[in-house]
Amino acid sequence: MSRLGRMLWVLILVKVAILFLVLKIFFFQDYLDQRFDTPEQKTQYVLEALSGRNE
């Protein structure tokens, strides 16, 4: 692989890492930690959401 090709791949990987970091910070905030206090409450919510039982 040429030096230019290697440099372009490094640039692409850096851009993708920055993109995911920005998405994580601004769009995928920790919803479960904000809404529930205990691991049991989080587990129950996820179980109900996945099984379709919203009581």
PDB file of N, CA and C in Angstrom:
ATOM      1  N   MET A   1       0.847  -1.171   0.000  1.00  0.00           N
ATOM      2  CA  MET A   1       0.000   0.000   0.000  1.00  0.00           C
ATOM      3  C   MET A   1       0.894   1.236   0.000  1.00  0.00           C
ATOM      4  N   SER A   2       0.521   2.193  -0.803  1.00  0.00           N
ATOM      5  CA  SER A   2       1.337   3.397  -0.903  1.00  0.00           C
ATOM      6  C   SER A   2       1.182   4.273   0.340  1.00  0.00           C
ATOM      7  N   ARG A   3       2.079   5.193   0.458  1.00  0.00           N
ATOM      8  CA  ARG A   3       2.045   6.106   1.604  1.00  0.00           C
ATOM      9  C   ARG A   3       0.772   6.950   1.581  1.00  0.00           C
ATOM     10  N   LEU A   4       0.357   7.377   0.406  1.00  0.00           N
ATOM     11  CA  LEU A   4      -0.864   8.174   0.273  1.00  0.00           C
ATOM     12  C   LEU A   4      -2.087   7.358   0.678  1.00  0.00           C
ATOM     13  N   GLY A   5      -2.151   6.113   0.238  1.00  0.00           N
ATOM     14  CA  GLY A   5      -3.275   5.253   0.590  1.00  0.00           C
ATOM     15  C   GLY A   5      -3.366   5.024   2.088  1.00  0.00           C
ATOM     16  N   ARG A   6      -2.240   4.777   2.714  1.00  0.00           N
ATOM     17  CA  ARG A   6      -2.211   4.564   4.162  1.00  0.00           C
ATOM     18  C   ARG A   6      -2.660   5.829   4.898  1.00  0.00           C
ATOM     19  N   MET A   7      -2.204   6.986   4.424  1.00  0.00           N
ATOM     20  CA  MET A   7      -2.579   8.247   5.049  1.00  0.00           C
ATOM     21  C   MET A   7      -4.076   8.515   4.891  1.00  0.00           C
ATOM     22  N   LEU A   8      -4.635   8.184   3.748  1.00  0.00           N
ATOM     23  CA  LEU A   8      -6.069   8.366   3.539  1.00  0.00           C
ATOM     24  C   LEU A   8      -6.877   7.456   4.459  1.00  0.00           C
ATOM     25  N   TRP A   9      -6.437   6.214   4.652  1.00  0.00           N
ATOM     26  CA  TRP A   9      -7.148   5.308   5.567  1.00  0.00           C
ATOM     27  C   TRP A   9      -7.089   5.808   7.000  1.00  0.00           C
ATOM     28  N   VAL A  10      -5.952   6.336   7.409  1.00  0.00           N
ATOM     29  CA  VAL A  10      -5.835   6.902   8.756  1.00  0.00           C
ATOM     30  C   VAL A  10      -6.794   8.076   8.905  1.00  0.00           C
ATOM     31  N   LEU A  11      -6.864   8.924   7.898  1.00  0.00           N
ATOM     32  CA  LEU A  11      -7.772  10.064   7.927  1.00  0.00           C
ATOM     33  C   LEU A  11      -9.227   9.610   8.010  1.00  0.00           C
ATOM     34  N   ILE A  12      -9.593   8.599   7.249  1.00  0.00           N
ATOM     35  CA  ILE A  12     -10.955   8.062   7.285  1.00  0.00           C
ATOM     36  C   ILE A  12     -11.276   7.514   8.671  1.00  0.00           C
ATOM     37  N   LEU A  13     -10.370   6.748   9.255  1.00  0.00           N
ATOM     38  CA  LEU A  13     -10.608   6.173  10.581  1.00  0.00           C
ATOM     39  C   LEU A  13     -10.745   7.250  11.658  1.00  0.00           C
ATOM     40  N   VAL A  14      -9.944   8.295  11.565  1.00  0.00           N
ATOM     41  CA  VAL A  14     -10.039   9.391  12.532  1.00  0.00           C
ATOM     42  C   VAL A  14     -11.382  10.097  12.392  1.00  0.00           C
ATOM     43  N   LYS A  15     -11.806  10.342  11.161  1.00  0.00           N
ATOM     44  CA  LYS A  15     -13.100  11.000  10.941  1.00  0.00           C
ATOM     45  C   LYS A  15     -14.254  10.146  11.459  1.00  0.00           C
ATOM     46  N   VAL A  16     -14.209   8.852  11.233  1.00  0.00           N
ATOM     47  CA  VAL A  16     -15.267   7.959  11.717  1.00  0.00           C
ATOM     48  C   VAL A  16     -15.289   7.935  13.244  1.00  0.00           C
ATOM     49  N   ALA A  17     -14.133   7.904  13.869  1.00  0.00           N
ATOM     50  CA  ALA A  17     -14.070   7.914  15.332  1.00  0.00           C
ATOM     51  C   ALA A  17     -14.665   9.205  15.888  1.00  0.00           C
ATOM     52  N   ILE A  18     -14.336  10.326  15.284  1.00  0.00           N
ATOM     53  CA  ILE A  18     -14.890  11.608  15.726  1.00  0.00           C
ATOM     54  C   ILE A  18     -16.396  11.637  15.518  1.00  0.00           C
ATOM     55  N   LEU A  19     -16.866  11.119  14.395  1.00  0.00           N
ATOM     56  CA  LEU A  19     -18.297  11.076  14.107  1.00  0.00           C
ATOM     57  C   LEU A  19     -19.042  10.274  15.168  1.00  0.00           C
ATOM     58  N   PHE A  20     -18.559   9.081  15.494  1.00  0.00           N
ATOM     59  CA  PHE A  20     -19.213   8.263  16.511  1.00  0.00           C
ATOM     60  C   PHE A  20     -19.163   8.927  17.884  1.00  0.00           C
ATOM     61  N   LEU A  21     -18.076   9.577  18.203  1.00  0.00           N
ATOM     62  CA  LEU A  21     -17.964  10.274  19.480  1.00  0.00           C
ATOM     63  C   LEU A  21     -19.003  11.390  19.578  1.00  0.00           C
ATOM     64  N   VAL A  22     -19.155  12.174  18.525  1.00  0.00           N
ATOM     65  CA  VAL A  22     -20.135  13.260  18.518  1.00  0.00           C
ATOM     66  C   VAL A  22     -21.549  12.698  18.614  1.00  0.00           C
ATOM     67  N   LEU A  23     -21.844  11.637  17.872  1.00  0.00           N
ATOM     68  CA  LEU A  23     -23.171  11.028  17.935  1.00  0.00           C
ATOM     69  C   LEU A  23     -23.469  10.508  19.332  1.00  0.00           C
ATOM     70  N   LYS A  24     -22.495   9.870  19.950  1.00  0.00           N
ATOM     71  CA  LYS A  24     -22.681   9.312  21.295  1.00  0.00           C
ATOM     72  C   LYS A  24     -22.964  10.416  22.304  1.00  0.00           C
ATOM     73  N   ILE A  25     -22.228  11.489  22.234  1.00  0.00           N
ATOM     74  CA  ILE A  25     -22.368  12.560  23.216  1.00  0.00           C
ATOM     75  C   ILE A  25     -23.698  13.292  23.065  1.00  0.00           C
ATOM     76  N   PHE A  26     -24.085  13.617  21.828  1.00  0.00           N
ATOM     77  CA  PHE A  26     -25.241  14.483  21.631  1.00  0.00           C
ATOM     78  C   PHE A  26     -26.549  13.755  21.370  1.00  0.00           C
ATOM     79  N   PHE A  27     -26.499  12.551  20.827  1.00  0.00           N
ATOM     80  CA  PHE A  27     -27.735  11.901  20.424  1.00  0.00           C
ATOM     81  C   PHE A  27     -28.069  10.641  21.206  1.00  0.00           C
ATOM     82  N   PHE A  28     -27.089   9.949  21.743  1.00  0.00           N
ATOM     83  CA  PHE A  28     -27.335   8.694  22.443  1.00  0.00           C
ATOM     84  C   PHE A  28     -26.968   8.827  23.911  1.00  0.00           C
ATOM     85  N   GLN A  29     -27.669   9.698  24.606  1.00  0.00           N
ATOM     86  CA  GLN A  29     -27.404   9.889  26.020  1.00  0.00           C
ATOM     87  C   GLN A  29     -27.933   8.686  26.794  1.00  0.00           C
ATOM     88  N   ASP A  30     -27.446   8.525  27.999  1.00  0.00           N
ATOM     89  CA  ASP A  30     -27.773   7.341  28.785  1.00  0.00           C
ATOM     90  C   ASP A  30     -29.196   7.437  29.334  1.00  0.00           C
ATOM     91  N   TYR A  31     -30.145   6.961  28.561  1.00  0.00           N
ATOM     92  CA  TYR A  31     -31.571   7.053  28.870  1.00  0.00           C
ATOM     93  C   TYR A  31     -31.925   6.261  30.125  1.00  0.00           C
ATOM     94  N   LEU A  32     -31.391   5.066  30.262  1.00  0.00           N
ATOM     95  CA  LEU A  32     -31.749   4.215  31.402  1.00  0.00           C
ATOM     96  C   LEU A  32     -31.248   4.792  32.723  1.00  0.00           C
ATOM     97  N   ASP A  33     -30.047   5.349  32.730  1.00  0.00           N
ATOM     98  CA  ASP A  33     -29.522   5.925  33.974  1.00  0.00           C
ATOM     99  C   ASP A  33     -30.312   7.152  34.407  1.00  0.00           C
ATOM    100  N   GLN A  34     -30.844   7.888  33.450  1.00  0.00           N
ATOM    101  CA  GLN A  34     -31.625   9.072  33.794  1.00  0.00           C
ATOM    102  C   GLN A  34     -33.014   8.706  34.302  1.00  0.00           C
ATOM    103  N   ARG A  35     -33.544   7.590  33.848  1.00  0.00           N
ATOM    104  CA  ARG A  35     -34.934   7.246  34.150  1.00  0.00           C
ATOM    105  C   ARG A  35     -35.082   6.279  35.327  1.00  0.00           C
ATOM    106  N   PHE A  36     -34.098   5.422  35.561  1.00  0.00           N
ATOM    107  CA  PHE A  36     -34.218   4.390  36.589  1.00  0.00           C
ATOM    108  C   PHE A  36     -33.045   4.454  37.553  1.00  0.00           C
ATOM    109  N   ASP A  37     -33.302   4.013  38.783  1.00  0.00           N
ATOM    110  CA  ASP A  37     -32.280   4.083  39.827  1.00  0.00           C
ATOM    111  C   ASP A  37     -31.528   2.771  40.028  1.00  0.00           C
ATOM    112  N   THR A  38     -32.231   1.650  39.959  1.00  0.00           N
ATOM    113  CA  THR A  38     -31.598   0.367  40.272  1.00  0.00           C
ATOM    114  C   THR A  38     -31.439  -0.487  39.018  1.00  0.00           C
ATOM    115  N   PRO A  39     -30.485  -1.414  39.036  1.00  0.00           N
ATOM    116  CA  PRO A  39     -30.326  -2.331  37.903  1.00  0.00           C
ATOM    117  C   PRO A  39     -31.571  -3.187  37.659  1.00  0.00           C
ATOM    118  N   GLU A  40     -32.298  -3.492  38.724  1.00  0.00           N
ATOM    119  CA  GLU A  40     -33.511  -4.302  38.570  1.00  0.00           C
ATOM    120  C   GLU A  40     -34.579  -3.547  37.781  1.00  0.00           C
ATOM    121  N   GLN A  41     -34.726  -2.259  38.051  1.00  0.00           N
ATOM    122  CA  GLN A  41     -35.694  -1.445  37.311  1.00  0.00           C
ATOM    123  C   GLN A  41     -35.310  -1.356  35.834  1.00  0.00           C
ATOM    124  N   LYS A  42     -34.021  -1.191  35.570  1.00  0.00           N
ATOM    125  CA  LYS A  42     -33.542  -1.129  34.185  1.00  0.00           C
ATOM    126  C   LYS A  42     -33.804  -2.443  33.468  1.00  0.00           C
ATOM    127  N   THR A  43     -33.517  -3.553  34.153  1.00  0.00           N
ATOM    128  CA  THR A  43     -33.727  -4.876  33.569  1.00  0.00           C
ATOM    129  C   THR A  43     -35.192  -5.102  33.251  1.00  0.00           C
ATOM    130  N   GLN A  44     -36.057  -4.738  34.167  1.00  0.00           N
ATOM    131  CA  GLN A  44     -37.496  -4.913  33.963  1.00  0.00           C
ATOM    132  C   GLN A  44     -37.979  -4.088  32.773  1.00  0.00           C
ATOM    133  N   TYR A  45     -37.512  -2.854  32.659  1.00  0.00           N
ATOM    134  CA  TYR A  45     -37.917  -1.992  31.547  1.00  0.00           C
ATOM    135  C   TYR A  45     -37.470  -2.572  30.204  1.00  0.00           C
ATOM    136  N   VAL A  46     -36.223  -3.013  30.135  1.00  0.00           N
ATOM    137  CA  VAL A  46     -35.702  -3.576  28.885  1.00  0.00           C
ATOM    138  C   VAL A  46     -36.448  -4.852  28.528  1.00  0.00           C
ATOM    139  N   LEU A  47     -36.718  -5.703  29.508  1.00  0.00           N
ATOM    140  CA  LEU A  47     -37.461  -6.941  29.266  1.00  0.00           C
ATOM    141  C   LEU A  47     -38.849  -6.642  28.714  1.00  0.00           C
ATOM    142  N   GLU A  48     -39.533  -5.684  29.308  1.00  0.00           N
ATOM    143  CA  GLU A  48     -40.869  -5.323  28.831  1.00  0.00           C
ATOM    144  C   GLU A  48     -40.819  -4.695  27.441  1.00  0.00           C
ATOM    145  N   ALA A  49     -39.809  -3.880  27.184  1.00  0.00           N
ATOM    146  CA  ALA A  49     -39.694  -3.239  25.875  1.00  0.00           C
ATOM    147  C   ALA A  49     -39.405  -4.266  24.783  1.00  0.00           C
ATOM    148  N   LEU A  50     -38.567  -5.251  25.074  1.00  0.00           N
ATOM    149  CA  LEU A  50     -38.224  -6.261  24.070  1.00  0.00           C
ATOM    150  C   LEU A  50     -39.342  -7.262  23.847  1.00  0.00           C
ATOM    151  N   SER A  51     -40.089  -7.572  24.893  1.00  0.00           N
ATOM    152  CA  SER A  51     -41.154  -8.566  24.753  1.00  0.00           C
ATOM    153  C   SER A  51     -42.466  -7.945  24.285  1.00  0.00           C
ATOM    154  N   GLY A  52     -42.542  -6.621  24.276  1.00  0.00           N
ATOM    155  CA  GLY A  52     -43.741  -5.955  23.794  1.00  0.00           C
ATOM    156  C   GLY A  52     -44.814  -5.775  24.832  1.00  0.00           C
ATOM    157  N   ARG A  53     -44.530  -6.106  26.077  1.00  0.00           N
ATOM    158  CA  ARG A  53     -45.505  -5.936  27.163  1.00  0.00           C
ATOM    159  C   ARG A  53     -45.276  -4.583  27.821  1.00  0.00           C
ATOM    160  N   ASN A  54     -46.100  -3.630  27.496  1.00  0.00           N
ATOM    161  CA  ASN A  54     -45.982  -2.298  28.108  1.00  0.00           C
ATOM    162  C   ASN A  54     -47.142  -2.082  29.060  1.00  0.00           C
ATOM    163  N   GLU A  55     -46.978  -2.544  30.258  1.00  0.00           N
ATOM    164  CA  GLU A  55     -48.046  -2.448  31.263  1.00  0.00           C
ATOM    165  C   GLU A  55     -47.944  -1.156  32.024  1.00  0.00           C
TER     166      GLU A  55
END
